[in-house]
N, C-alpha and C. Protein backbone atom coordinates (compact mmCIF):
# COMPACT_ATOMS: atom_id res chain seq x y z
N MET A 1 22.61 45.86 11.71
CA MET A 1 23.95 45.17 12.30
C MET A 1 25.17 45.15 11.12
N ALA A 2 24.40 44.70 9.93
CA ALA A 2 24.95 44.79 8.72
C ALA A 2 25.82 46.36 7.76
N GLN A 3 24.48 46.82 8.14
CA GLN A 3 25.11 48.73 7.68
C GLN A 3 26.35 48.89 8.65
N LEU A 4 26.02 48.54 10.09
CA LEU A 4 27.29 48.94 10.75
C LEU A 4 28.74 48.51 10.35
N ASN A 5 28.36 47.11 10.09
CA ASN A 5 29.83 46.69 9.92
C ASN A 5 30.34 47.11 8.51
N ALA A 6 29.28 47.83 7.49
CA ALA A 6 29.80 48.22 6.15
C ALA A 6 30.37 49.45 6.69
N LEU A 7 30.05 50.27 7.48
CA LEU A 7 30.38 51.69 8.13
C LEU A 7 31.89 51.32 8.62
N TYR A 8 31.80 50.46 9.32
CA TYR A 8 33.21 49.77 9.65
C TYR A 8 34.33 49.84 8.61
N GLY A 9 33.77 49.00 7.69
CA GLY A 9 34.52 48.56 6.82
C GLY A 9 34.83 49.83 5.82
N TYR A 10 33.88 50.67 5.75
CA TYR A 10 34.41 52.05 4.82
C TYR A 10 35.72 52.74 5.79
N SER A 11 35.32 52.73 6.79
CA SER A 11 36.13 53.41 7.22
C SER A 11 37.67 52.86 7.79
N ALA A 12 37.74 51.47 7.61
CA ALA A 12 39.12 51.03 7.94
C ALA A 12 39.54 51.31 6.30
N GLY A 13 39.04 50.84 5.36
CA GLY A 13 39.37 51.28 4.02
C GLY A 13 39.99 52.47 3.57
N ILE A 14 39.33 53.46 4.36
CA ILE A 14 39.73 55.07 3.90
C ILE A 14 40.89 55.14 5.12
N THR A 15 40.95 54.52 6.09
CA THR A 15 42.36 54.60 7.04
C THR A 15 43.71 54.24 5.96
N SER A 16 43.54 52.93 5.87
CA SER A 16 44.33 52.10 5.14
C SER A 16 44.81 53.06 3.85
N ALA A 17 44.08 53.37 3.16
CA ALA A 17 44.25 54.12 1.76
C ALA A 17 44.79 55.38 2.29
N ILE A 18 44.99 56.03 3.20
CA ILE A 18 45.42 57.25 3.20
C ILE A 18 46.78 57.21 4.27
N ILE A 19 46.93 55.93 5.02
CA ILE A 19 48.43 55.31 5.61
C ILE A 19 49.15 54.95 4.49
N LEU A 20 48.84 53.88 3.50
CA LEU A 20 49.73 53.29 2.72
C LEU A 20 49.73 53.99 1.06
N GLN A 21 49.03 55.16 1.10
CA GLN A 21 49.43 55.83 -0.10
C GLN A 21 50.88 56.28 -0.63
N PRO A 22 51.48 56.82 0.33
CA PRO A 22 52.85 57.16 0.27
C PRO A 22 53.67 55.89 -0.48
N LEU A 23 53.38 54.94 0.34
CA LEU A 23 54.06 53.63 0.09
C LEU A 23 53.85 53.47 -1.54
N ASP A 24 52.55 53.42 -1.96
CA ASP A 24 52.16 52.85 -3.20
C ASP A 24 52.93 53.92 -4.17
N ASN A 25 52.84 55.59 -3.89
CA ASN A 25 53.64 56.37 -4.95
C ASN A 25 54.86 55.71 -5.10
N ILE A 26 55.40 55.54 -3.82
CA ILE A 26 57.20 54.99 -3.83
C ILE A 26 57.15 53.20 -5.03
N LYS A 27 56.13 52.74 -4.90
CA LYS A 27 56.38 51.79 -5.40
C LYS A 27 55.93 51.83 -7.12
N VAL A 28 55.14 52.79 -7.41
CA VAL A 28 55.10 53.07 -8.73
C VAL A 28 56.67 53.64 -9.44
N ALA A 29 57.04 54.47 -8.77
CA ALA A 29 58.38 55.56 -8.99
C ALA A 29 59.41 54.25 -9.10
N LEU A 30 59.38 53.26 -8.33
CA LEU A 30 60.38 52.12 -8.52
C LEU A 30 59.77 51.32 -9.77
N MET A 31 58.92 51.07 -10.57
CA MET A 31 58.13 50.36 -10.91
C MET A 31 58.43 50.83 -12.77
N VAL A 32 58.09 51.97 -12.41
CA VAL A 32 57.50 52.84 -13.62
C VAL A 32 58.72 54.15 -13.86
N PRO A 33 59.73 54.20 -14.78
CA PRO A 33 60.67 55.48 -14.90
C PRO A 33 60.08 56.27 -15.09
N PRO A 34 60.28 57.73 -14.37
CA PRO A 34 59.57 58.85 -14.58
C PRO A 34 60.07 59.81 -16.58
N ASN A 35 58.95 60.53 -16.50
CA ASN A 35 59.35 60.88 -18.20
C ASN A 35 60.57 61.48 -18.06
N ASP A 36 61.04 62.07 -16.69
CA ASP A 36 61.99 62.99 -17.40
C ASP A 36 63.39 62.41 -17.06
N MET A 37 63.03 61.22 -16.62
CA MET A 37 64.44 60.32 -16.36
C MET A 37 64.78 59.63 -17.76
N ALA A 38 66.08 59.61 -18.29
CA ALA A 38 66.55 58.36 -19.14
C ALA A 38 66.60 57.09 -18.27
N ILE A 39 66.08 56.32 -18.66
CA ILE A 39 66.33 54.81 -18.50
C ILE A 39 67.89 54.27 -17.90
N ARG A 40 68.73 54.78 -18.94
CA ARG A 40 69.98 54.40 -18.66
C ARG A 40 70.81 54.90 -17.57
N SER A 41 70.58 56.41 -17.77
CA SER A 41 71.40 57.40 -17.36
C SER A 41 70.93 57.64 -15.40
N ASN A 42 69.85 57.60 -15.06
CA ASN A 42 69.63 57.70 -13.71
C ASN A 42 68.27 57.15 -13.22
N PRO A 43 68.12 55.80 -13.56
CA PRO A 43 67.15 54.84 -12.75
C PRO A 43 66.83 54.96 -11.35
N ILE A 44 65.86 55.09 -11.02
CA ILE A 44 65.50 55.06 -9.82
C ILE A 44 65.75 53.44 -9.16
N LEU A 45 66.33 53.33 -8.15
CA LEU A 45 67.23 51.96 -8.13
C LEU A 45 66.61 51.39 -6.68
N ASN A 46 66.35 52.41 -5.73
CA ASN A 46 65.62 51.95 -4.49
C ASN A 46 64.82 52.62 -3.78
N PHE A 47 64.32 52.32 -2.84
CA PHE A 47 63.58 52.93 -1.77
C PHE A 47 63.96 54.38 -1.58
N LEU A 48 64.91 54.46 -1.19
CA LEU A 48 65.54 56.08 -0.55
C LEU A 48 65.57 57.16 -1.66
N VAL A 49 66.19 56.41 -3.28
CA VAL A 49 66.42 57.32 -4.21
C VAL A 49 64.78 57.52 -4.70
N ALA A 50 64.02 57.08 -4.68
CA ALA A 50 62.77 57.11 -5.21
C ALA A 50 62.19 57.88 -4.24
N CYS A 51 62.36 57.92 -2.60
CA CYS A 51 61.74 58.86 -1.88
C CYS A 51 62.49 60.50 -2.06
N ARG A 52 63.61 60.68 -2.45
CA ARG A 52 64.28 61.80 -2.74
C ARG A 52 63.64 62.34 -3.94
N TYR A 53 63.63 61.36 -5.05
CA TYR A 53 62.88 61.96 -6.14
C TYR A 53 61.40 62.69 -6.16
N ILE A 54 60.38 61.65 -5.50
CA ILE A 54 59.26 61.98 -5.26
C ILE A 54 59.21 63.41 -4.48
N GLY A 55 60.37 63.33 -3.48
CA GLY A 55 60.29 64.69 -2.77
C GLY A 55 60.45 65.79 -2.87
N GLN A 56 61.47 65.75 -4.32
CA GLN A 56 62.12 67.26 -4.83
C GLN A 56 61.12 67.52 -5.92
N GLU A 57 60.09 66.74 -6.40
CA GLU A 57 59.60 66.66 -7.86
C GLU A 57 58.15 67.59 -7.12
N GLY A 58 57.61 67.22 -5.79
CA GLY A 58 56.55 67.45 -5.68
C GLY A 58 56.24 67.90 -4.12
N GLY A 59 57.42 67.56 -3.06
CA GLY A 59 57.30 67.95 -1.58
C GLY A 59 56.48 66.76 -1.28
N LEU A 60 56.24 67.13 0.18
CA LEU A 60 55.03 66.14 0.56
C LEU A 60 53.80 66.20 0.03
N PRO A 61 53.19 67.09 -0.66
CA PRO A 61 51.89 66.38 -1.27
C PRO A 61 51.74 65.41 -2.26
N ALA A 62 53.09 65.43 -3.16
CA ALA A 62 53.53 64.60 -3.94
C ALA A 62 53.51 63.11 -3.54
N PHE A 63 53.81 63.03 -2.24
CA PHE A 63 53.90 61.42 -1.76
C PHE A 63 52.46 61.05 -1.46
N TYR A 64 51.26 61.79 -1.48
CA TYR A 64 49.71 61.80 -1.25
C TYR A 64 49.05 62.09 -2.90
N LYS A 65 49.85 62.07 -3.72
CA LYS A 65 48.96 62.30 -5.02
C LYS A 65 47.73 61.24 -5.53
N GLY A 66 47.18 61.22 -5.70
CA GLY A 66 46.16 60.01 -6.13
C GLY A 66 45.49 59.31 -4.81
N THR A 67 45.22 60.30 -3.49
CA THR A 67 44.72 59.32 -2.52
C THR A 67 43.32 59.48 -2.36
N ILE A 68 42.60 60.48 -3.23
CA ILE A 68 41.17 60.66 -3.24
C ILE A 68 40.43 59.85 -3.93
N PRO A 69 40.79 58.93 -5.20
CA PRO A 69 40.23 58.02 -5.75
C PRO A 69 40.72 56.48 -5.43
N ASN A 70 41.86 56.51 -4.90
CA ASN A 70 42.49 55.59 -3.58
C ASN A 70 41.07 55.33 -2.52
N ILE A 71 40.68 56.29 -1.81
CA ILE A 71 40.15 56.42 -0.78
C ILE A 71 38.82 56.08 -1.52
N MET A 72 37.96 56.61 -2.48
CA MET A 72 36.96 56.32 -3.34
C MET A 72 37.11 54.62 -3.34
N LYS A 73 38.00 54.21 -3.94
CA LYS A 73 37.85 52.59 -4.46
C LYS A 73 38.07 51.66 -3.36
N THR A 74 38.92 52.15 -2.19
CA THR A 74 39.34 51.08 -1.11
C THR A 74 38.35 51.20 -0.06
N GLY A 75 37.62 52.36 0.35
CA GLY A 75 36.38 52.52 1.50
C GLY A 75 35.63 51.82 0.82
N LEU A 76 35.07 51.97 -0.79
CA LEU A 76 33.78 50.97 -1.32
C LEU A 76 33.99 49.80 -1.05
N SER A 77 34.89 49.16 -1.77
CA SER A 77 35.29 48.00 -1.55
C SER A 77 35.88 46.90 -0.29
N SER A 78 35.93 47.92 0.73
CA SER A 78 36.05 47.35 1.95
C SER A 78 34.58 47.36 2.64
N ALA A 79 33.95 48.60 2.72
CA ALA A 79 32.77 48.24 2.67
C ALA A 79 31.65 47.24 2.41
N ILE A 80 31.95 46.71 1.01
CA ILE A 80 31.14 46.19 0.52
C ILE A 80 31.24 44.62 1.23
N TYR A 81 33.14 44.54 1.35
CA TYR A 81 33.37 43.27 2.02
C TYR A 81 32.67 42.95 3.17
N PHE A 82 33.20 43.88 4.18
CA PHE A 82 32.74 43.60 5.76
C PHE A 82 30.95 43.34 5.72
N TRP A 83 30.29 44.27 5.02
CA TRP A 83 28.66 44.31 4.45
C TRP A 83 28.49 42.73 4.54
N GLY A 84 29.67 42.18 3.31
CA GLY A 84 28.84 40.66 2.79
C GLY A 84 29.46 39.75 3.69
N LEU A 85 30.16 39.89 4.51
CA LEU A 85 30.85 38.93 5.74
C LEU A 85 29.91 38.84 6.37
N ARG A 86 28.81 39.69 7.02
CA ARG A 86 27.99 39.67 7.93
C ARG A 86 26.30 39.30 7.29
N THR A 87 26.31 39.36 5.92
CA THR A 87 24.74 39.24 5.60
C THR A 87 24.99 37.87 4.71
N ILE A 88 26.02 37.12 4.29
CA ILE A 88 26.06 36.03 3.46
C ILE A 88 26.30 35.04 4.66
């Protein structure tokens, strides 16, 4: 039964990583200005500007950049968490 909970946790982690990765990339664009932008000349100030910048730079795949490492990290940590809830 605990292994089944770990599988549920792993699938939940993968699902959340895939769904939330675009928002995470937008958050990073808002926090850290890209190298090709001067901070004072043209900063990313809001959500829509960040979306436009990411879309212009790499299209739709740019929103999912870094998904594989995030899936590995989130899936494993969720699996351990769900397994631990049942066994401890």
